[in-house]
C-alpha atoms as a PDB file:
ATOM      1  CA  UNK A   1      -0.002  -0.005  -0.014  1.00  0.00           C
ATOM      2  CA  UNK A   2       1.107   3.533  -0.751  1.00  0.00           C
ATOM      3  CA  UNK A   3       0.018   6.744   0.888  1.00  0.00           C
ATOM      4  CA  UNK A   4       0.911  10.384   0.207  1.00  0.00           C
ATOM      5  CA  UNK A   5       1.963  13.366   2.303  1.00  0.00           C
ATOM      6  CA  UNK A   6       1.930  17.136   1.808  1.00  0.00           C
ATOM      7  CA  UNK A   7       1.261  19.763   4.483  1.00  0.00           C
ATOM      8  CA  UNK A   8       2.590  20.188   7.185  1.00  0.00           C
ATOM      9  CA  UNK A   9       5.794  18.577   5.835  1.00  0.00           C
ATOM     10  CA  UNK A  10       6.069  20.871   2.776  1.00  0.00           C
ATOM     11  CA  UNK A  11       9.115  23.126   3.152  1.00  0.00           C
ATOM     12  CA  UNK A  12      10.660  21.077   5.970  1.00  0.00           C
ATOM     13  CA  UNK A  13      13.890  19.121   5.788  1.00  0.00           C
ATOM     14  CA  UNK A  14      13.396  15.509   4.754  1.00  0.00           C
ATOM     15  CA  UNK A  15      15.529  12.738   6.358  1.00  0.00           C
ATOM     16  CA  UNK A  16      18.026  13.176   3.513  1.00  0.00           C
ATOM     17  CA  UNK A  17      18.491  16.809   4.460  1.00  0.00           C
ATOM     18  CA  UNK A  18      16.834  18.002   1.262  1.00  0.00           C
ATOM     19  CA  UNK A  19      13.913  20.398   1.696  1.00  0.00           C
ATOM     20  CA  UNK A  20      10.654  18.552   0.957  1.00  0.00           C
ATOM     21  CA  UNK A  21       8.614  20.112  -1.862  1.00  0.00           C
ATOM     22  CA  UNK A  22       5.305  18.353  -2.211  1.00  0.00           C
ATOM     23  CA  UNK A  23       5.036  19.416  -5.842  1.00  0.00           C
ATOM     24  CA  UNK A  24       8.155  17.468  -6.952  1.00  0.00           C
ATOM     25  CA  UNK A  25       8.230  13.778  -7.810  1.00  0.00           C
ATOM     26  CA  UNK A  26       9.762  12.442  -4.603  1.00  0.00           C
ATOM     27  CA  UNK A  27       8.886   9.865  -1.955  1.00  0.00           C
ATOM     28  CA  UNK A  28       9.652   8.398   1.455  1.00  0.00           C
ATOM     29  CA  UNK A  29      10.711   4.746   1.792  1.00  0.00           C
ATOM     30  CA  UNK A  30      11.730   2.974   4.997  1.00  0.00           C
ATOM     31  CA  UNK A  31      15.063   1.560   3.757  1.00  0.00           C
ATOM     32  CA  UNK A  32      16.062   2.309   0.174  1.00  0.00           C
ATOM     33  CA  UNK A  33      19.110   4.575  -0.048  1.00  0.00           C
ATOM     34  CA  UNK A  34      18.432   8.241  -0.646  1.00  0.00           C
ATOM     35  CA  UNK A  35      18.421   9.231  -4.340  1.00  0.00           C
ATOM     36  CA  UNK A  36      17.286   5.787  -5.452  1.00  0.00           C
ATOM     37  CA  UNK A  37      14.751   6.141  -8.297  1.00  0.00           C
ATOM     38  CA  UNK A  38      11.669   3.928  -8.268  1.00  0.00           C
ATOM     39  CA  UNK A  39       8.631   3.462 -10.435  1.00  0.00           C
ATOM     40  CA  UNK A  40       5.380   3.221  -8.470  1.00  0.00           C
ATOM     41  CA  UNK A  41       2.435   1.567 -10.224  1.00  0.00           C
ATOM     42  CA  UNK A  42      -1.099   2.061  -8.916  1.00  0.00           C
ATOM     43  CA  UNK A  43      -2.574  -1.443  -9.123  1.00  0.00           C
ATOM     44  CA  UNK A  44      -6.147  -0.074  -9.244  1.00  0.00           C
ATOM     45  CA  UNK A  45      -5.716   1.958 -12.448  1.00  0.00           C
ATOM     46  CA  UNK A  46      -2.250   0.926 -13.805  1.00  0.00           C
ATOM     47  CA  UNK A  47      -0.992   4.537 -13.805  1.00  0.00           C
ATOM     48  CA  UNK A  48       2.687   4.888 -12.918  1.00  0.00           C
ATOM     49  CA  UNK A  49       5.150   7.549 -11.809  1.00  0.00           C
ATOM     50  CA  UNK A  50       8.899   7.638 -11.289  1.00  0.00           C
ATOM     51  CA  UNK A  51      10.049   9.198  -8.022  1.00  0.00           C
ATOM     52  CA  UNK A  52      13.299   9.768  -6.156  1.00  0.00           C
ATOM     53  CA  UNK A  53      13.650   8.625  -2.541  1.00  0.00           C
ATOM     54  CA  UNK A  54      14.517  11.591  -0.246  1.00  0.00           C
ATOM     55  CA  UNK A  55      12.794  10.746   3.047  1.00  0.00           C
ATOM     56  CA  UNK A  56      12.043   7.955   5.489  1.00  0.00           C
ATOM     57  CA  UNK A  57       8.573   6.523   6.046  1.00  0.00           C
ATOM     58  CA  UNK A  58       5.822   5.581   5.919  1.00  0.00           C
ATOM     59  CA  UNK A  59       5.498   4.553   9.523  1.00  0.00           C
ATOM     60  CA  UNK A  60       2.059   2.959   9.229  1.00  0.00           C
ATOM     61  CA  UNK A  61       1.842  -0.848   9.264  1.00  0.00           C
ATOM     62  CA  UNK A  62       1.278  -2.323   5.790  1.00  0.00           C
ATOM     63  CA  UNK A  63       2.501   0.725   3.842  1.00  0.00           C
ATOM     64  CA  UNK A  64       5.673   0.597   1.741  1.00  0.00           C
ATOM     65  CA  UNK A  65       5.973   4.124   0.303  1.00  0.00           C
ATOM     66  CA  UNK A  66       4.755   7.703   0.961  1.00  0.00           C
ATOM     67  CA  UNK A  67       4.479   9.723  -2.195  1.00  0.00           C
ATOM     68  CA  UNK A  68       4.666  13.478  -2.617  1.00  0.00           C
ATOM     69  CA  UNK A  69       1.421  15.272  -3.530  1.00  0.00           C
ATOM     70  CA  UNK A  70       2.592  15.619  -7.156  1.00  0.00           C
ATOM     71  CA  UNK A  71       3.398  11.909  -7.442  1.00  0.00           C
ATOM     72  CA  UNK A  72       0.082  10.930  -5.858  1.00  0.00           C
ATOM     73  CA  UNK A  73      -1.774  13.154  -8.322  1.00  0.00           C
ATOM     74  CA  UNK A  74       0.139  11.537 -11.206  1.00  0.00           C
ATOM     75  CA  UNK A  75      -1.180   8.089 -10.360  1.00  0.00           C
ATOM     76  CA  UNK A  76      -4.620   9.164  -9.338  1.00  0.00           C
ATOM     77  CA  UNK A  77      -4.524   8.467  -5.638  1.00  0.00           C
ATOM     78  CA  UNK A  78      -5.260  11.839  -4.068  1.00  0.00           C
ATOM     79  CA  UNK A  79      -8.925  11.026  -3.260  1.00  0.00           C
ATOM     80  CA  UNK A  80      -8.556   7.551  -1.855  1.00  0.00           C
ATOM     81  CA  UNK A  81      -5.393   8.534   0.021  1.00  0.00           C
ATOM     82  CA  UNK A  82      -3.994   5.014  -0.083  1.00  0.00           C
ATOM     83  CA  UNK A  83      -3.855   2.518  -2.944  1.00  0.00           C
ATOM     84  CA  UNK A  84      -2.251  -0.864  -3.590  1.00  0.00           C
ATOM     85  CA  UNK A  85       0.992  -0.433  -5.547  1.00  0.00           C
ATOM     86  CA  UNK A  86       3.937  -2.200  -6.994  1.00  0.00           C
ATOM     87  CA  UNK A  87       7.325  -0.524  -6.447  1.00  0.00           C
ATOM     88  CA  UNK A  88      10.094  -1.208  -8.947  1.00  0.00           C
ATOM     89  CA  UNK A  89      13.674   0.042  -8.528  1.00  0.00           C
ATOM     90  CA  UNK A  90      14.689   1.958 -11.642  1.00  0.00           C
ATOM     91  CA  UNK A  91      18.103   3.066 -10.468  1.00  0.00           C
ATOM     92  CA  UNK A  92      19.649   2.176  -7.112  1.00  0.00           C
ATOM     93  CA  UNK A  93      21.681   4.979  -5.542  1.00  0.00           C
ATOM     94  CA  UNK A  94      25.382   4.250  -5.156  1.00  0.00           C
ATOM     95  CA  UNK A  95      26.119   2.856  -1.694  1.00  0.00           C
ATOM     96  CA  UNK A  96      29.548   1.643  -0.606  1.00  0.00           C
ATOM     97  CA  UNK A  97      29.532  -2.139  -0.225  1.00  0.00           C
ATOM     98  CA  UNK A  98      31.060  -1.745   3.246  1.00  0.00           C
ATOM     99  CA  UNK A  99      28.109   0.317   4.438  1.00  0.00           C
ATOM    100  CA  UNK A 100      25.843  -1.312   6.978  1.00  0.00           C
ATOM    101  CA  UNK A 101      22.389  -0.652   8.340  1.00  0.00           C
ATOM    102  CA  UNK A 102      21.876   1.424  11.452  1.00  0.00           C
ATOM    103  CA  UNK A 103      18.874   2.800  13.396  1.00  0.00           C
ATOM    104  CA  UNK A 104      18.341   6.532  13.898  1.00  0.00           C
ATOM    105  CA  UNK A 105      17.100   7.349  17.372  1.00  0.00           C
ATOM    106  CA  UNK A 106      17.280  11.143  17.279  1.00  0.00           C
ATOM    107  CA  UNK A 107      18.164  14.301  15.399  1.00  0.00           C
ATOM    108  CA  UNK A 108      19.334  17.420  17.240  1.00  0.00           C
ATOM    109  CA  UNK A 109      20.364  20.985  16.516  1.00  0.00           C
ATOM    110  CA  UNK A 110      22.314  20.990  19.792  1.00  0.00           C
ATOM    111  CA  UNK A 111      25.453  18.840  19.563  1.00  0.00           C
ATOM    112  CA  UNK A 112      25.644  18.475  23.355  1.00  0.00           C
ATOM    113  CA  UNK A 113      22.159  16.945  23.489  1.00  0.00           C
ATOM    114  CA  UNK A 114      23.063  14.568  20.643  1.00  0.00           C
ATOM    115  CA  UNK A 115      26.274  13.557  22.420  1.00  0.00           C
ATOM    116  CA  UNK A 116      24.362  12.750  25.649  1.00  0.00           C
ATOM    117  CA  UNK A 117      21.943  10.478  23.703  1.00  0.00           C
ATOM    118  CA  UNK A 118      24.813   8.914  21.801  1.00  0.00           C
ATOM    119  CA  UNK A 119      26.672   8.130  25.034  1.00  0.00           C
ATOM    120  CA  UNK A 120      23.566   6.493  26.600  1.00  0.00           C
ATOM    121  CA  UNK A 121      22.932   4.446  23.445  1.00  0.00           C
ATOM    122  CA  UNK A 122      26.596   3.406  23.276  1.00  0.00           C
ATOM    123  CA  UNK A 123      26.422   2.159  26.851  1.00  0.00           C
ATOM    124  CA  UNK A 124      23.257   0.157  26.184  1.00  0.00           C
ATOM    125  CA  UNK A 125      23.868  -1.127  22.632  1.00  0.00           C
ATOM    126  CA  UNK A 126      27.607  -0.870  21.967  1.00  0.00           C
ATOM    127  CA  UNK A 127      27.686   0.861  18.613  1.00  0.00           C
ATOM    128  CA  UNK A 128      26.267   4.402  18.597  1.00  0.00           C
ATOM    129  CA  UNK A 129      27.619   7.296  16.621  1.00  0.00           C
ATOM    130  CA  UNK A 130      26.931  10.889  15.700  1.00  0.00           C
ATOM    131  CA  UNK A 131      26.339  11.755  12.058  1.00  0.00           C
ATOM    132  CA  UNK A 132      26.409  15.403  11.068  1.00  0.00           C
ATOM    133  CA  UNK A 133      24.045  16.612   8.360  1.00  0.00           C
ATOM    134  CA  UNK A 134      25.455  19.821   6.951  1.00  0.00           C
ATOM    135  CA  UNK A 135      23.131  22.669   6.345  1.00  0.00           C
ATOM    136  CA  UNK A 136      21.560  25.615   8.083  1.00  0.00           C
ATOM    137  CA  UNK A 137      21.076  24.579  10.752  1.00  0.00           C
ATOM    138  CA  UNK A 138      23.500  21.713  11.176  1.00  0.00           C
ATOM    139  CA  UNK A 139      21.650  18.608  12.404  1.00  0.00           C
ATOM    140  CA  UNK A 140      23.317  15.976  14.592  1.00  0.00           C
ATOM    141  CA  UNK A 141      21.787  12.536  14.076  1.00  0.00           C
ATOM    142  CA  UNK A 142      22.318   9.645  16.520  1.00  0.00           C
ATOM    143  CA  UNK A 143      22.654   6.233  14.850  1.00  0.00           C
ATOM    144  CA  UNK A 144      22.694   2.961  16.791  1.00  0.00           C
ATOM    145  CA  UNK A 145      24.021  -0.378  15.538  1.00  0.00           C
ATOM    146  CA  UNK A 146      26.012  -1.574  12.557  1.00  0.00           C
ATOM    147  CA  UNK A 147      23.912  -4.390  11.123  1.00  0.00           C
ATOM    148  CA  UNK A 148      24.872  -6.479   8.089  1.00  0.00           C
ATOM    149  CA  UNK A 149      21.294  -7.173   6.968  1.00  0.00           C
ATOM    150  CA  UNK A 150      18.045  -5.270   6.798  1.00  0.00           C
ATOM    151  CA  UNK A 151      16.404  -8.022   8.856  1.00  0.00           C
ATOM    152  CA  UNK A 152      18.907  -7.560  11.697  1.00  0.00           C
ATOM    153  CA  UNK A 153      18.423  -3.797  11.582  1.00  0.00           C
ATOM    154  CA  UNK A 154      14.631  -4.154  11.676  1.00  0.00           C
ATOM    155  CA  UNK A 155      14.946  -6.375  14.764  1.00  0.00           C
ATOM    156  CA  UNK A 156      17.158  -3.714  16.425  1.00  0.00           C
ATOM    157  CA  UNK A 157      14.629  -1.025  15.450  1.00  0.00           C
ATOM    158  CA  UNK A 158      11.879  -2.989  17.218  1.00  0.00           C
ATOM    159  CA  UNK A 159      14.004  -3.507  20.343  1.00  0.00           C
ATOM    160  CA  UNK A 160      14.762   0.200  20.466  1.00  0.00           C
ATOM    161  CA  UNK A 161      11.083   1.117  20.021  1.00  0.00           C
ATOM    162  CA  UNK A 162      10.087  -1.268  22.804  1.00  0.00           C
ATOM    163  CA  UNK A 163      12.786   0.184  25.072  1.00  0.00           C
ATOM    164  CA  UNK A 164      11.764   3.838  24.945  1.00  0.00           C
ATOM    165  CA  UNK A 165      12.714   5.031  21.439  1.00  0.00           C
ATOM    166  CA  UNK A 166       9.274   5.098  19.686  1.00  0.00           C
ATOM    167  CA  UNK A 167      10.550   7.194  16.744  1.00  0.00           C
ATOM    168  CA  UNK A 168      13.505   4.907  15.905  1.00  0.00           C
ATOM    169  CA  UNK A 169      13.816   4.089  12.211  1.00  0.00           C
ATOM    170  CA  UNK A 170      16.160   2.146   9.959  1.00  0.00           C
ATOM    171  CA  UNK A 171      18.818   4.003   7.933  1.00  0.00           C
ATOM    172  CA  UNK A 172      21.594   3.248   5.467  1.00  0.00           C
ATOM    173  CA  UNK A 173      24.922   4.727   6.571  1.00  0.00           C
ATOM    174  CA  UNK A 174      25.054   6.316   3.123  1.00  0.00           C
ATOM    175  CA  UNK A 175      21.814   8.171   3.963  1.00  0.00           C
END
């Protein structure tokens, strides 16, 4: 199932750091590397659209992709809000083979706050690091784990959510 999102996210930074513009052909996916291009086919009417992954989500059970307003309009899904889809990778973004999955547990403008969370996560889970996203403002992300497979990272994500990190989500280190 696919859904779409617009306001209040329009104009805000997406997980990739890019500013989300709901009138561009972009999307959110839980795990595909940022800048991966995918074709989304509405299985109800066979319309398709090609989008670029710039954000993380959707966070609703049973949904695989959140489309921008423009992409949703292109495949005729504005009114129903959700539709069954098939997602096909058109071009996978380049990711270093040594990269591993991690779980983001927070994003902070204040480096000190990020360092405190990182230290607590390191003590509990071993691998926890700060990842700086350049921009204005600079954002400090806290990533936990260094998992070889998506399945292992999903299991870590669930453990973190159950242990007080409800907004934890899976990321590629290349994200």
